[in-house]
Amino acid sequence: MTFSEELDDADFEIIASALSTAGTPAADALIVAGITSKATTGFTLNCHTAPGSGNSVTFAWALRRAV
């Protein structure tokens, strides 16, 4: 995910969950395995497994600033 505006720092948490699917993705594709590559410009959301060819999963996410 690339932010539309750069943040001041990368001191944040991401909360994410599967919102919708297209096709018939693997069930584990709806599970967030982790958030990596956090930076002031964005982050990477990793699924437990790929959804499979021709399938997709859309995730809703929220950024929470660390306290």
N, C-alpha and C. Protein backbone atom coordinates (compact mmCIF):
# COMPACT_ATOMS: atom_id res chain seq x y z
N MET A 1 0.84 -1.15 0.00
CA MET A 1 0.00 0.00 0.00
C MET A 1 0.90 1.22 0.00
N THR A 2 0.64 2.15 -0.86
CA THR A 2 1.39 3.41 -0.90
C THR A 2 0.47 4.53 -0.43
N PHE A 3 0.94 5.30 0.55
CA PHE A 3 0.15 6.41 1.06
C PHE A 3 0.10 7.54 0.05
N SER A 4 -1.00 8.28 0.03
CA SER A 4 -1.12 9.41 -0.87
C SER A 4 -0.24 10.58 -0.42
N GLU A 5 0.02 10.64 0.89
CA GLU A 5 0.93 11.66 1.43
C GLU A 5 1.90 10.97 2.39
N GLU A 6 3.14 11.36 2.34
CA GLU A 6 4.16 10.77 3.20
C GLU A 6 3.90 11.15 4.66
N LEU A 7 4.09 10.18 5.57
CA LEU A 7 3.92 10.42 7.00
C LEU A 7 5.20 10.99 7.59
N ASP A 8 5.09 11.55 8.80
CA ASP A 8 6.27 12.09 9.49
C ASP A 8 7.23 10.99 9.93
N ASP A 9 6.67 9.82 10.30
CA ASP A 9 7.49 8.69 10.75
C ASP A 9 6.74 7.39 10.50
N ALA A 10 7.40 6.27 10.76
CA ALA A 10 6.79 4.95 10.55
C ALA A 10 6.38 4.32 11.87
N ASP A 11 6.08 5.12 12.85
CA ASP A 11 5.68 4.64 14.18
C ASP A 11 4.16 4.49 14.20
N PHE A 12 3.67 3.42 13.55
CA PHE A 12 2.23 3.18 13.46
C PHE A 12 1.96 1.68 13.39
N GLU A 13 0.70 1.33 13.62
CA GLU A 13 0.24 -0.05 13.48
C GLU A 13 -0.84 -0.06 12.40
N ILE A 14 -0.97 -1.19 11.74
CA ILE A 14 -2.02 -1.37 10.74
C ILE A 14 -2.95 -2.47 11.24
N ILE A 15 -4.25 -2.18 11.23
CA ILE A 15 -5.27 -3.17 11.54
C ILE A 15 -5.96 -3.46 10.22
N ALA A 16 -6.05 -4.73 9.83
CA ALA A 16 -6.62 -5.07 8.53
C ALA A 16 -7.47 -6.33 8.62
N SER A 17 -8.49 -6.39 7.76
CA SER A 17 -9.31 -7.59 7.65
C SER A 17 -9.85 -7.68 6.23
N ALA A 18 -10.14 -8.90 5.81
CA ALA A 18 -10.68 -9.12 4.46
C ALA A 18 -12.05 -8.47 4.36
N LEU A 19 -12.28 -7.77 3.27
CA LEU A 19 -13.54 -7.05 3.06
C LEU A 19 -14.40 -7.74 2.01
N SER A 20 -13.78 -8.15 0.91
CA SER A 20 -14.54 -8.81 -0.16
C SER A 20 -13.61 -9.68 -0.99
N THR A 21 -14.21 -10.54 -1.79
CA THR A 21 -13.44 -11.42 -2.66
C THR A 21 -14.02 -11.40 -4.07
N ALA A 22 -13.20 -11.81 -5.02
CA ALA A 22 -13.63 -12.01 -6.39
C ALA A 22 -13.17 -13.40 -6.80
N GLY A 23 -14.05 -14.15 -7.44
CA GLY A 23 -13.72 -15.52 -7.77
C GLY A 23 -13.86 -16.40 -6.54
N THR A 24 -13.02 -17.42 -6.48
CA THR A 24 -13.04 -18.32 -5.33
C THR A 24 -11.62 -18.45 -4.77
N PRO A 25 -11.17 -17.43 -4.07
CA PRO A 25 -9.81 -17.49 -3.51
C PRO A 25 -9.69 -18.56 -2.43
N ALA A 26 -8.47 -19.02 -2.25
CA ALA A 26 -8.18 -19.97 -1.17
C ALA A 26 -8.60 -19.34 0.16
N ALA A 27 -9.15 -20.16 1.07
CA ALA A 27 -9.64 -19.65 2.36
C ALA A 27 -8.55 -18.93 3.13
N ASP A 28 -7.32 -19.45 3.09
CA ASP A 28 -6.22 -18.84 3.82
C ASP A 28 -5.79 -17.49 3.24
N ALA A 29 -6.26 -17.17 2.04
CA ALA A 29 -5.93 -15.88 1.42
C ALA A 29 -6.63 -14.73 2.14
N LEU A 30 -7.65 -15.05 2.94
CA LEU A 30 -8.38 -14.03 3.69
C LEU A 30 -7.73 -13.73 5.04
N ILE A 31 -6.67 -14.45 5.36
CA ILE A 31 -5.98 -14.30 6.65
C ILE A 31 -4.74 -13.43 6.47
N VAL A 32 -4.64 -12.37 7.26
CA VAL A 32 -3.46 -11.51 7.24
C VAL A 32 -2.33 -12.22 7.97
N ALA A 33 -1.25 -12.49 7.27
CA ALA A 33 -0.10 -13.15 7.88
C ALA A 33 0.82 -12.15 8.58
N GLY A 34 0.78 -10.90 8.13
CA GLY A 34 1.61 -9.88 8.76
C GLY A 34 1.68 -8.62 7.92
N ILE A 35 2.17 -7.57 8.56
CA ILE A 35 2.41 -6.29 7.91
C ILE A 35 3.91 -6.08 7.91
N THR A 36 4.50 -5.87 6.75
CA THR A 36 5.94 -5.70 6.65
C THR A 36 6.27 -4.43 5.88
N SER A 37 7.52 -4.12 5.83
CA SER A 37 8.03 -2.97 5.07
C SER A 37 7.34 -1.66 5.45
N LYS A 38 7.06 -1.49 6.75
CA LYS A 38 6.45 -0.23 7.19
C LYS A 38 7.43 0.92 6.95
N ALA A 39 6.93 1.97 6.34
CA ALA A 39 7.75 3.15 6.03
C ALA A 39 6.85 4.37 6.05
N THR A 40 7.45 5.51 5.93
CA THR A 40 6.68 6.75 5.90
C THR A 40 5.86 6.85 4.61
N THR A 41 6.18 6.02 3.64
CA THR A 41 5.49 6.06 2.34
C THR A 41 4.47 4.95 2.15
N GLY A 42 4.42 3.97 3.08
CA GLY A 42 3.45 2.90 2.95
C GLY A 42 3.85 1.64 3.69
N PHE A 43 3.23 0.53 3.34
CA PHE A 43 3.49 -0.76 3.99
C PHE A 43 3.09 -1.88 3.04
N THR A 44 3.45 -3.12 3.41
CA THR A 44 3.06 -4.30 2.65
C THR A 44 2.21 -5.18 3.53
N LEU A 45 1.04 -5.58 3.04
CA LEU A 45 0.17 -6.52 3.73
C LEU A 45 0.41 -7.89 3.13
N ASN A 46 0.76 -8.86 3.95
CA ASN A 46 1.03 -10.22 3.48
C ASN A 46 -0.11 -11.15 3.88
N CYS A 47 -0.65 -11.88 2.90
CA CYS A 47 -1.69 -12.88 3.15
C CYS A 47 -1.04 -14.20 3.54
N HIS A 48 -1.80 -15.04 4.21
CA HIS A 48 -1.29 -16.35 4.59
C HIS A 48 -0.94 -17.18 3.36
N THR A 49 -1.75 -17.05 2.32
CA THR A 49 -1.49 -17.74 1.05
C THR A 49 -2.04 -16.90 -0.09
N ALA A 50 -1.54 -17.09 -1.27
CA ALA A 50 -2.03 -16.35 -2.44
C ALA A 50 -3.46 -16.77 -2.76
N PRO A 51 -4.28 -15.86 -3.29
CA PRO A 51 -5.67 -16.21 -3.58
C PRO A 51 -5.84 -17.17 -4.76
N GLY A 52 -4.84 -17.29 -5.58
CA GLY A 52 -4.93 -18.19 -6.73
C GLY A 52 -5.21 -17.43 -8.01
N SER A 53 -4.88 -18.02 -9.11
CA SER A 53 -5.02 -17.38 -10.42
C SER A 53 -6.47 -16.98 -10.70
N GLY A 54 -6.64 -15.71 -11.09
CA GLY A 54 -7.97 -15.20 -11.43
C GLY A 54 -8.83 -14.83 -10.24
N ASN A 55 -8.30 -14.94 -9.03
CA ASN A 55 -9.03 -14.62 -7.81
C ASN A 55 -8.38 -13.44 -7.12
N SER A 56 -9.13 -12.76 -6.27
CA SER A 56 -8.54 -11.66 -5.50
C SER A 56 -9.28 -11.47 -4.19
N VAL A 57 -8.59 -10.81 -3.26
CA VAL A 57 -9.16 -10.45 -1.96
C VAL A 57 -8.89 -8.98 -1.75
N THR A 58 -9.92 -8.25 -1.35
CA THR A 58 -9.78 -6.83 -1.02
C THR A 58 -9.80 -6.71 0.49
N PHE A 59 -8.83 -5.95 1.03
CA PHE A 59 -8.74 -5.76 2.47
C PHE A 59 -9.10 -4.34 2.86
N ALA A 60 -9.79 -4.21 3.98
CA ALA A 60 -10.01 -2.91 4.61
C ALA A 60 -8.91 -2.76 5.65
N TRP A 61 -8.38 -1.56 5.78
CA TRP A 61 -7.32 -1.36 6.76
C TRP A 61 -7.45 0.02 7.40
N ALA A 62 -6.89 0.11 8.59
CA ALA A 62 -6.86 1.37 9.32
C ALA A 62 -5.47 1.54 9.91
N LEU A 63 -5.01 2.77 9.92
CA LEU A 63 -3.71 3.09 10.50
C LEU A 63 -3.94 3.64 11.89
N ARG A 64 -3.22 3.10 12.85
CA ARG A 64 -3.31 3.59 14.22
C ARG A 64 -1.93 4.05 14.64
N ARG A 65 -1.84 5.29 15.06
CA ARG A 65 -0.56 5.82 15.53
C ARG A 65 -0.18 5.16 16.84
N ALA A 66 1.07 4.79 16.98
CA ALA A 66 1.58 4.20 18.22
C ALA A 66 1.59 5.26 19.31
N VAL A 67 1.32 4.81 20.50
CA VAL A 67 1.28 5.74 21.64
C VAL A 67 2.61 5.75 22.34
